[in-house]
Amino acid sequence: MGEKIRVLVADDHDIVREGLRTILGMEPDMELVGEARDGVEAVEKAVALSPDVILIDLVMPRKNGIQAIREIKEKVPSVRILVLTSFAEDSHVFPAIEAGALGFMLKDTTTATLIQAIRIVSRDEPSLHPTVARKLMAARMQKTQTDERVEPLTRREQQVLVLLAKGLTNQGIADQLVLSELTVRTHVSNILSKLNLENRTQAALYALRHGMADLEP
C-alpha cells in the first residue's frame, strides 16, 4: 500500500471531531495527523503539519473557515481543502470556493461519500455535494447568459465596479478616483444597466465571480 493520506480536521465541536477521528481511523489509507478547534488553530496546524487534506468547518470561533482557508492557501499552497459544514447558502459556498476550497461537503453526507471525497480531493480533483454542485452550475449558467447580453464596461466603470465590490460608498469611490459623487452615482447606474443587474450587491458578486475583485476586507 502507498503512503497514507494525511488529514487535519478543523471543527469547533468535540463530537464532530470525535466522529471524524473514528471514521478516519477505520480507513487503512488515511491518517489523522492533527485536530483544530478554531480557525486560528487550523492555520497554525496546517503550517506546522503540512497535511495532504484539511477537513474544515466554516463557522468557527476566533477565525471563520473562509478566512482560515484563504490564509492556509497562502501559506501552504499545496494543501487540499475539503469543506465539511452544515451550511449550503450562497454566502458560504461561493466565498469558500473563491478562497481556495477544492471540495465542499455537507454534514448530512454519508460516511462512504465523505471518505470518497477525501480521496478525490487528495488527488487534487474537486468533490462537491450535489446541492453545492447545482448551485455552482446555476451560477455558471447565469454568468454565461449574462456575458452574452451585457454591454462592455468602460475602463472607468470597471474601476468603479472594483471599488464597489470592496464595499466603498459612492463618496468613498469618488474620493479614491478623484471624481464627484454625482459622477460616481452615474457610473454605478450605468454599470447596473449594462450588466442587467438590480443592485450594488449583485454588482459586487458579479465582480467577484469574474475575477475583477477579491474577497479581502
C-alpha atoms as a PDB file:
ATOM      1  CA  MET A   1       0.000   0.000   0.000  1.00  0.00           C
ATOM      2  CA  GLY A   2       1.232   3.508  -0.806  1.00  0.00           C
ATOM      3  CA  GLU A   3       1.596   6.447   1.526  1.00  0.00           C
ATOM      4  CA  LYS A   4      -1.391   7.323   3.651  1.00  0.00           C
ATOM      5  CA  ILE A   5      -3.472  10.438   3.084  1.00  0.00           C
ATOM      6  CA  ARG A   6      -2.556  12.746   5.950  1.00  0.00           C
ATOM      7  CA  VAL A   7      -5.685  14.545   7.207  1.00  0.00           C
ATOM      8  CA  LEU A   8      -6.138  17.536   9.506  1.00  0.00           C
ATOM      9  CA  VAL A   9      -9.601  18.089  10.996  1.00  0.00           C
ATOM     10  CA  ALA A  10     -10.744  21.612  11.935  1.00  0.00           C
ATOM     11  CA  ASP A  11     -14.084  21.875  13.733  1.00  0.00           C
ATOM     12  CA  ASP A  12     -15.104  23.563  16.977  1.00  0.00           C
ATOM     13  CA  HIS A  13     -17.474  20.759  18.033  1.00  0.00           C
ATOM     14  CA  ASP A  14     -15.867  17.976  20.072  1.00  0.00           C
ATOM     15  CA  ILE A  15     -18.434  15.410  18.965  1.00  0.00           C
ATOM     16  CA  VAL A  16     -17.760  16.123  15.284  1.00  0.00           C
ATOM     17  CA  ARG A  17     -14.002  15.750  15.728  1.00  0.00           C
ATOM     18  CA  GLU A  18     -14.517  12.533  17.694  1.00  0.00           C
ATOM     19  CA  GLY A  19     -16.728  11.137  14.945  1.00  0.00           C
ATOM     20  CA  LEU A  20     -14.255  12.031  12.227  1.00  0.00           C
ATOM     21  CA  ARG A  21     -11.418  10.593  14.305  1.00  0.00           C
ATOM     22  CA  THR A  22     -13.267   7.270  14.435  1.00  0.00           C
ATOM     23  CA  ILE A  23     -14.152   7.328  10.730  1.00  0.00           C
ATOM     24  CA  LEU A  24     -10.607   8.120   9.602  1.00  0.00           C
ATOM     25  CA  GLY A  25      -9.171   5.516  11.978  1.00  0.00           C
ATOM     26  CA  MET A  26     -11.076   2.813  10.129  1.00  0.00           C
ATOM     27  CA  GLU A  27      -9.520   3.675   6.746  1.00  0.00           C
ATOM     28  CA  PRO A  28      -6.193   1.922   6.090  1.00  0.00           C
ATOM     29  CA  ASP A  29      -5.129   4.564   3.567  1.00  0.00           C
ATOM     30  CA  MET A  30      -5.776   7.562   5.835  1.00  0.00           C
ATOM     31  CA  GLU A  31      -4.071   9.041   8.885  1.00  0.00           C
ATOM     32  CA  LEU A  32      -5.397  11.751  11.193  1.00  0.00           C
ATOM     33  CA  VAL A  33      -2.355  13.948  11.850  1.00  0.00           C
ATOM     34  CA  GLY A  34      -3.999  16.722  13.850  1.00  0.00           C
ATOM     35  CA  GLU A  35      -7.123  18.466  15.091  1.00  0.00           C
ATOM     36  CA  ALA A  36      -8.019  22.152  15.405  1.00  0.00           C
ATOM     37  CA  ARG A  37     -10.793  23.689  17.498  1.00  0.00           C
ATOM     38  CA  ASP A  38     -10.968  27.025  15.660  1.00  0.00           C
ATOM     39  CA  GLY A  39      -9.738  28.884  12.607  1.00  0.00           C
ATOM     40  CA  VAL A  40      -6.571  30.185  14.230  1.00  0.00           C
ATOM     41  CA  GLU A  41      -5.522  26.667  15.249  1.00  0.00           C
ATOM     42  CA  ALA A  42      -6.412  25.414  11.778  1.00  0.00           C
ATOM     43  CA  VAL A  43      -3.940  27.817  10.181  1.00  0.00           C
ATOM     44  CA  GLU A  44      -1.224  27.124  12.752  1.00  0.00           C
ATOM     45  CA  LYS A  45      -1.510  23.345  12.423  1.00  0.00           C
ATOM     46  CA  ALA A  46      -1.757  23.472   8.637  1.00  0.00           C
ATOM     47  CA  VAL A  47       1.588  25.279   8.574  1.00  0.00           C
ATOM     48  CA  ALA A  48       3.174  23.027  11.211  1.00  0.00           C
ATOM     49  CA  LEU A  49       1.915  19.679   9.885  1.00  0.00           C
ATOM     50  CA  SER A  50       1.535  20.314   6.133  1.00  0.00           C
ATOM     51  CA  PRO A  51      -1.261  17.715   5.742  1.00  0.00           C
ATOM     52  CA  ASP A  52      -2.466  16.393   2.398  1.00  0.00           C
ATOM     53  CA  VAL A  53      -6.118  17.244   3.095  1.00  0.00           C
ATOM     54  CA  ILE A  54      -7.817  19.544   5.590  1.00  0.00           C
ATOM     55  CA  LEU A  55     -11.416  18.891   6.594  1.00  0.00           C
ATOM     56  CA  ILE A  56     -12.693  22.263   7.758  1.00  0.00           C
ATOM     57  CA  ASP A  57     -15.935  23.748   9.033  1.00  0.00           C
ATOM     58  CA  LEU A  58     -16.889  27.287   8.027  1.00  0.00           C
ATOM     59  CA  VAL A  59     -18.406  28.548  11.281  1.00  0.00           C
ATOM     60  CA  MET A  60     -15.698  28.541  13.948  1.00  0.00           C
ATOM     61  CA  PRO A  61     -14.526  30.909  16.697  1.00  0.00           C
ATOM     62  CA  ARG A  62     -11.582  33.343  16.503  1.00  0.00           C
ATOM     63  CA  LYS A  63     -11.236  32.987  12.725  1.00  0.00           C
ATOM     64  CA  ASN A  64     -14.019  31.703  10.478  1.00  0.00           C
ATOM     65  CA  GLY A  65     -13.489  28.987   7.894  1.00  0.00           C
ATOM     66  CA  ILE A  66     -13.359  31.336   4.908  1.00  0.00           C
ATOM     67  CA  GLN A  67     -10.604  33.412   6.487  1.00  0.00           C
ATOM     68  CA  ALA A  68      -8.736  30.276   7.533  1.00  0.00           C
ATOM     69  CA  ILE A  69      -8.948  28.736   4.057  1.00  0.00           C
ATOM     70  CA  ARG A  70      -7.606  31.884   2.426  1.00  0.00           C
ATOM     71  CA  GLU A  71      -4.714  32.125   4.886  1.00  0.00           C
ATOM     72  CA  ILE A  72      -3.883  28.421   4.661  1.00  0.00           C
ATOM     73  CA  LYS A  73      -3.749  28.522   0.856  1.00  0.00           C
ATOM     74  CA  GLU A  74      -1.401  31.498   1.038  1.00  0.00           C
ATOM     75  CA  LYS A  75       0.937  29.780   3.496  1.00  0.00           C
ATOM     76  CA  VAL A  76       0.624  26.144   2.345  1.00  0.00           C
ATOM     77  CA  PRO A  77      -0.469  26.266  -1.315  1.00  0.00           C
ATOM     78  CA  SER A  78      -0.097  22.512  -1.822  1.00  0.00           C
ATOM     79  CA  VAL A  79      -2.704  21.539   0.781  1.00  0.00           C
ATOM     80  CA  ARG A  80      -6.111  20.415  -0.467  1.00  0.00           C
ATOM     81  CA  ILE A  81      -9.068  21.774   1.470  1.00  0.00           C
ATOM     82  CA  LEU A  82     -12.393  19.986   1.819  1.00  0.00           C
ATOM     83  CA  VAL A  83     -15.150  21.996   3.496  1.00  0.00           C
ATOM     84  CA  LEU A  84     -17.423  19.961   5.778  1.00  0.00           C
ATOM     85  CA  THR A  85     -20.239  22.125   7.069  1.00  0.00           C
ATOM     86  CA  SER A  86     -23.966  22.321   7.731  1.00  0.00           C
ATOM     87  CA  PHE A  87     -24.484  25.387   5.557  1.00  0.00           C
ATOM     88  CA  ALA A  88     -25.107  25.424   1.805  1.00  0.00           C
ATOM     89  CA  GLU A  89     -26.140  29.070   1.406  1.00  0.00           C
ATOM     90  CA  ASP A  90     -24.567  31.055  -1.417  1.00  0.00           C
ATOM     91  CA  SER A  91     -22.882  33.267   1.191  1.00  0.00           C
ATOM     92  CA  HIS A  92     -20.908  30.213   2.343  1.00  0.00           C
ATOM     93  CA  VAL A  93     -20.438  28.251  -0.874  1.00  0.00           C
ATOM     94  CA  PHE A  94     -19.092  30.912  -3.240  1.00  0.00           C
ATOM     95  CA  PRO A  95     -16.658  32.561  -0.797  1.00  0.00           C
ATOM     96  CA  ALA A  96     -15.280  29.139   0.217  1.00  0.00           C
ATOM     97  CA  ILE A  97     -14.609  28.162  -3.390  1.00  0.00           C
ATOM     98  CA  GLU A  98     -13.182  31.608  -4.140  1.00  0.00           C
ATOM     99  CA  ALA A  99     -10.893  31.303  -1.109  1.00  0.00           C
ATOM    100  CA  GLY A 100      -9.412  28.053  -2.395  1.00  0.00           C
ATOM    101  CA  ALA A 101     -11.525  25.105  -1.183  1.00  0.00           C
ATOM    102  CA  LEU A 102     -11.312  22.188  -3.610  1.00  0.00           C
ATOM    103  CA  GLY A 103     -14.250  20.264  -2.156  1.00  0.00           C
ATOM    104  CA  PHE A 104     -17.478  21.121  -0.359  1.00  0.00           C
ATOM    105  CA  MET A 105     -19.478  18.537   1.591  1.00  0.00           C
ATOM    106  CA  LEU A 106     -22.432  18.913   3.917  1.00  0.00           C
ATOM    107  CA  LYS A 107     -22.587  17.184   7.283  1.00  0.00           C
ATOM    108  CA  ASP A 108     -25.640  15.199   6.216  1.00  0.00           C
ATOM    109  CA  THR A 109     -23.493  13.269   3.733  1.00  0.00           C
ATOM    110  CA  THR A 110     -22.858   9.567   4.270  1.00  0.00           C
ATOM    111  CA  THR A 111     -19.603   8.260   5.691  1.00  0.00           C
ATOM    112  CA  ALA A 112     -18.824   6.438   2.440  1.00  0.00           C
ATOM    113  CA  THR A 113     -19.362   9.614   0.407  1.00  0.00           C
ATOM    114  CA  LEU A 114     -17.156  11.643   2.727  1.00  0.00           C
ATOM    115  CA  ILE A 115     -14.337   9.098   2.564  1.00  0.00           C
ATOM    116  CA  GLN A 116     -14.596   9.072  -1.222  1.00  0.00           C
ATOM    117  CA  ALA A 117     -14.493  12.876  -1.254  1.00  0.00           C
ATOM    118  CA  ILE A 118     -11.300  12.894   0.818  1.00  0.00           C
ATOM    119  CA  ARG A 119      -9.645  10.500  -1.631  1.00  0.00           C
ATOM    120  CA  ILE A 120     -10.790  12.549  -4.628  1.00  0.00           C
ATOM    121  CA  VAL A 121      -9.606  15.839  -3.146  1.00  0.00           C
ATOM    122  CA  SER A 122      -6.266  14.278  -2.174  1.00  0.00           C
ATOM    123  CA  ARG A 123      -5.718  13.687  -5.917  1.00  0.00           C
ATOM    124  CA  ASP A 124      -6.199  17.418  -6.472  1.00  0.00           C
ATOM    125  CA  GLU A 125      -9.634  16.883  -8.020  1.00  0.00           C
ATOM    126  CA  PRO A 126     -12.838  18.696  -6.959  1.00  0.00           C
ATOM    127  CA  SER A 127     -15.544  16.914  -4.986  1.00  0.00           C
ATOM    128  CA  LEU A 128     -18.850  18.654  -4.354  1.00  0.00           C
ATOM    129  CA  HIS A 129     -22.047  17.770  -2.539  1.00  0.00           C
ATOM    130  CA  PRO A 130     -24.886  17.587  -5.128  1.00  0.00           C
ATOM    131  CA  THR A 131     -26.594  20.642  -3.618  1.00  0.00           C
ATOM    132  CA  VAL A 132     -23.400  22.663  -3.933  1.00  0.00           C
ATOM    133  CA  ALA A 133     -22.693  21.369  -7.434  1.00  0.00           C
ATOM    134  CA  ARG A 134     -26.142  22.521  -8.564  1.00  0.00           C
ATOM    135  CA  LYS A 135     -25.522  25.981  -7.115  1.00  0.00           C
ATOM    136  CA  LEU A 136     -22.208  26.324  -8.936  1.00  0.00           C
ATOM    137  CA  MET A 137     -23.690  25.072 -12.194  1.00  0.00           C
ATOM    138  CA  ALA A 138     -26.579  27.527 -11.915  1.00  0.00           C
ATOM    139  CA  ALA A 139     -24.145  30.357 -11.195  1.00  0.00           C
ATOM    140  CA  ARG A 140     -22.028  29.422 -14.215  1.00  0.00           C
ATOM    141  CA  MET A 141     -25.083  29.275 -16.455  1.00  0.00           C
ATOM    142  CA  GLN A 142     -26.202  32.667 -15.174  1.00  0.00           C
ATOM    143  CA  LYS A 143     -22.708  34.027 -15.788  1.00  0.00           C
ATOM    144  CA  THR A 144     -22.719  32.686 -19.363  1.00  0.00           C
ATOM    145  CA  GLN A 145     -26.160  34.107 -20.064  1.00  0.00           C
ATOM    146  CA  THR A 146     -25.157  37.431 -18.532  1.00  0.00           C
ATOM    147  CA  ASP A 147     -21.929  37.563 -20.535  1.00  0.00           C
ATOM    148  CA  GLU A 148     -23.893  37.035 -23.745  1.00  0.00           C
ATOM    149  CA  ARG A 149     -26.128  40.036 -23.210  1.00  0.00           C
ATOM    150  CA  VAL A 150     -24.071  42.596 -21.305  1.00  0.00           C
ATOM    151  CA  GLU A 151     -22.541  45.703 -22.790  1.00  0.00           C
ATOM    152  CA  PRO A 152     -18.806  46.087 -22.190  1.00  0.00           C
ATOM    153  CA  LEU A 153     -17.854  48.420 -19.368  1.00  0.00           C
ATOM    154  CA  THR A 154     -15.579  51.368 -19.921  1.00  0.00           C
ATOM    155  CA  ARG A 155     -12.245  51.430 -18.093  1.00  0.00           C
ATOM    156  CA  ARG A 156     -13.623  53.957 -15.601  1.00  0.00           C
ATOM    157  CA  GLU A 157     -16.738  51.838 -14.998  1.00  0.00           C
ATOM    158  CA  GLN A 158     -14.509  48.832 -14.340  1.00  0.00           C
ATOM    159  CA  GLN A 159     -12.563  50.854 -11.767  1.00  0.00           C
ATOM    160  CA  VAL A 160     -15.801  51.918 -10.082  1.00  0.00           C
ATOM    161  CA  LEU A 161     -17.085  48.333 -10.054  1.00  0.00           C
ATOM    162  CA  VAL A 162     -13.921  47.008  -8.390  1.00  0.00           C
ATOM    163  CA  LEU A 163     -14.148  49.614  -5.611  1.00  0.00           C
ATOM    164  CA  LEU A 164     -17.873  48.994  -5.238  1.00  0.00           C
ATOM    165  CA  ALA A 165     -17.144  45.281  -4.766  1.00  0.00           C
ATOM    166  CA  LYS A 166     -14.695  46.190  -1.993  1.00  0.00           C
ATOM    167  CA  GLY A 167     -17.569  47.843  -0.109  1.00  0.00           C
ATOM    168  CA  LEU A 168     -16.791  51.503  -0.738  1.00  0.00           C
ATOM    169  CA  THR A 169     -19.635  54.020  -0.737  1.00  0.00           C
ATOM    170  CA  ASN A 170     -20.190  56.363  -3.670  1.00  0.00           C
ATOM    171  CA  GLN A 171     -18.349  59.077  -1.760  1.00  0.00           C
ATOM    172  CA  GLY A 172     -15.516  56.689  -0.939  1.00  0.00           C
ATOM    173  CA  ILE A 173     -15.189  55.735  -4.601  1.00  0.00           C
ATOM    174  CA  ALA A 174     -15.311  59.414  -5.575  1.00  0.00           C
ATOM    175  CA  ASP A 175     -12.518  60.252  -3.128  1.00  0.00           C
ATOM    176  CA  GLN A 176     -10.305  57.433  -4.375  1.00  0.00           C
ATOM    177  CA  LEU A 177     -10.806  58.158  -8.077  1.00  0.00           C
ATOM    178  CA  VAL A 178     -10.901  61.947  -7.632  1.00  0.00           C
ATOM    179  CA  LEU A 179     -14.397  62.274  -9.060  1.00  0.00           C
ATOM    180  CA  SER A 180     -17.593  63.929  -7.886  1.00  0.00           C
ATOM    181  CA  GLU A 181     -20.123  61.781  -6.062  1.00  0.00           C
ATOM    182  CA  LEU A 182     -22.664  62.580  -8.775  1.00  0.00           C
ATOM    183  CA  THR A 183     -20.299  61.223 -11.432  1.00  0.00           C
ATOM    184  CA  VAL A 184     -19.788  58.025  -9.435  1.00  0.00           C
ATOM    185  CA  ARG A 185     -23.546  57.660  -8.991  1.00  0.00           C
ATOM    186  CA  THR A 186     -23.924  57.920 -12.772  1.00  0.00           C
ATOM    187  CA  HIS A 187     -21.215  55.310 -13.321  1.00  0.00           C
ATOM    188  CA  VAL A 188     -22.904  52.924 -10.870  1.00  0.00           C
ATOM    189  CA  SER A 189     -26.236  53.399 -12.628  1.00  0.00           C
ATOM    190  CA  ASN A 190     -24.588  52.687 -15.985  1.00  0.00           C
ATOM    191  CA  ILE A 191     -22.874  49.585 -14.601  1.00  0.00           C
ATOM    192  CA  LEU A 192     -26.147  48.139 -13.314  1.00  0.00           C
ATOM    193  CA  SER A 193     -27.862  48.905 -16.606  1.00  0.00           C
ATOM    194  CA  LYS A 194     -25.116  47.419 -18.789  1.00  0.00           C
ATOM    195  CA  LEU A 195     -24.786  44.254 -16.698  1.00  0.00           C
ATOM    196  CA  ASN A 196     -28.557  43.815 -16.279  1.00  0.00           C
ATOM    197  CA  LEU A 197     -28.236  43.857 -12.510  1.00  0.00           C
ATOM    198  CA  GLU A 198     -30.632  45.218  -9.912  1.00  0.00           C
ATOM    199  CA  ASN A 199     -28.449  46.465  -7.088  1.00  0.00           C
ATOM    200  CA  ARG A 200     -24.938  47.019  -5.732  1.00  0.00           C
ATOM    201  CA  THR A 201     -24.838  43.593  -4.070  1.00  0.00           C
ATOM    202  CA  GLN A 202     -25.400  41.850  -7.385  1.00  0.00           C
ATOM    203  CA  ALA A 203     -22.746  44.078  -8.932  1.00  0.00           C
ATOM    204  CA  ALA A 204     -20.271  43.127  -6.203  1.00  0.00           C
ATOM    205  CA  LEU A 205     -20.966  39.405  -6.762  1.00  0.00           C
ATOM    206  CA  TYR A 206     -20.504  39.908 -10.496  1.00  0.00           C
ATOM    207  CA  ALA A 207     -17.083  41.439  -9.875  1.00  0.00           C
ATOM    208  CA  LEU A 208     -16.081  38.579  -7.544  1.00  0.00           C
ATOM    209  CA  ARG A 209     -17.221  35.823  -9.890  1.00  0.00           C
ATOM    210  CA  HIS A 210     -15.479  37.414 -12.858  1.00  0.00           C
ATOM    211  CA  GLY A 211     -12.188  37.806 -11.031  1.00  0.00           C
ATOM    212  CA  MET A 212     -12.342  41.613 -11.024  1.00  0.00           C
ATOM    213  CA  ALA A 213     -12.119  41.825  -7.230  1.00  0.00           C
ATOM    214  CA  ASP A 214     -11.114  39.535  -4.382  1.00  0.00           C
ATOM    215  CA  LEU A 215     -12.667  38.748  -1.004  1.00  0.00           C
ATOM    216  CA  GLU A 216     -10.181  40.638   1.118  1.00  0.00           C
ATOM    217  CA  PRO A 217     -11.901  43.068   3.503  1.00  0.00           C
END
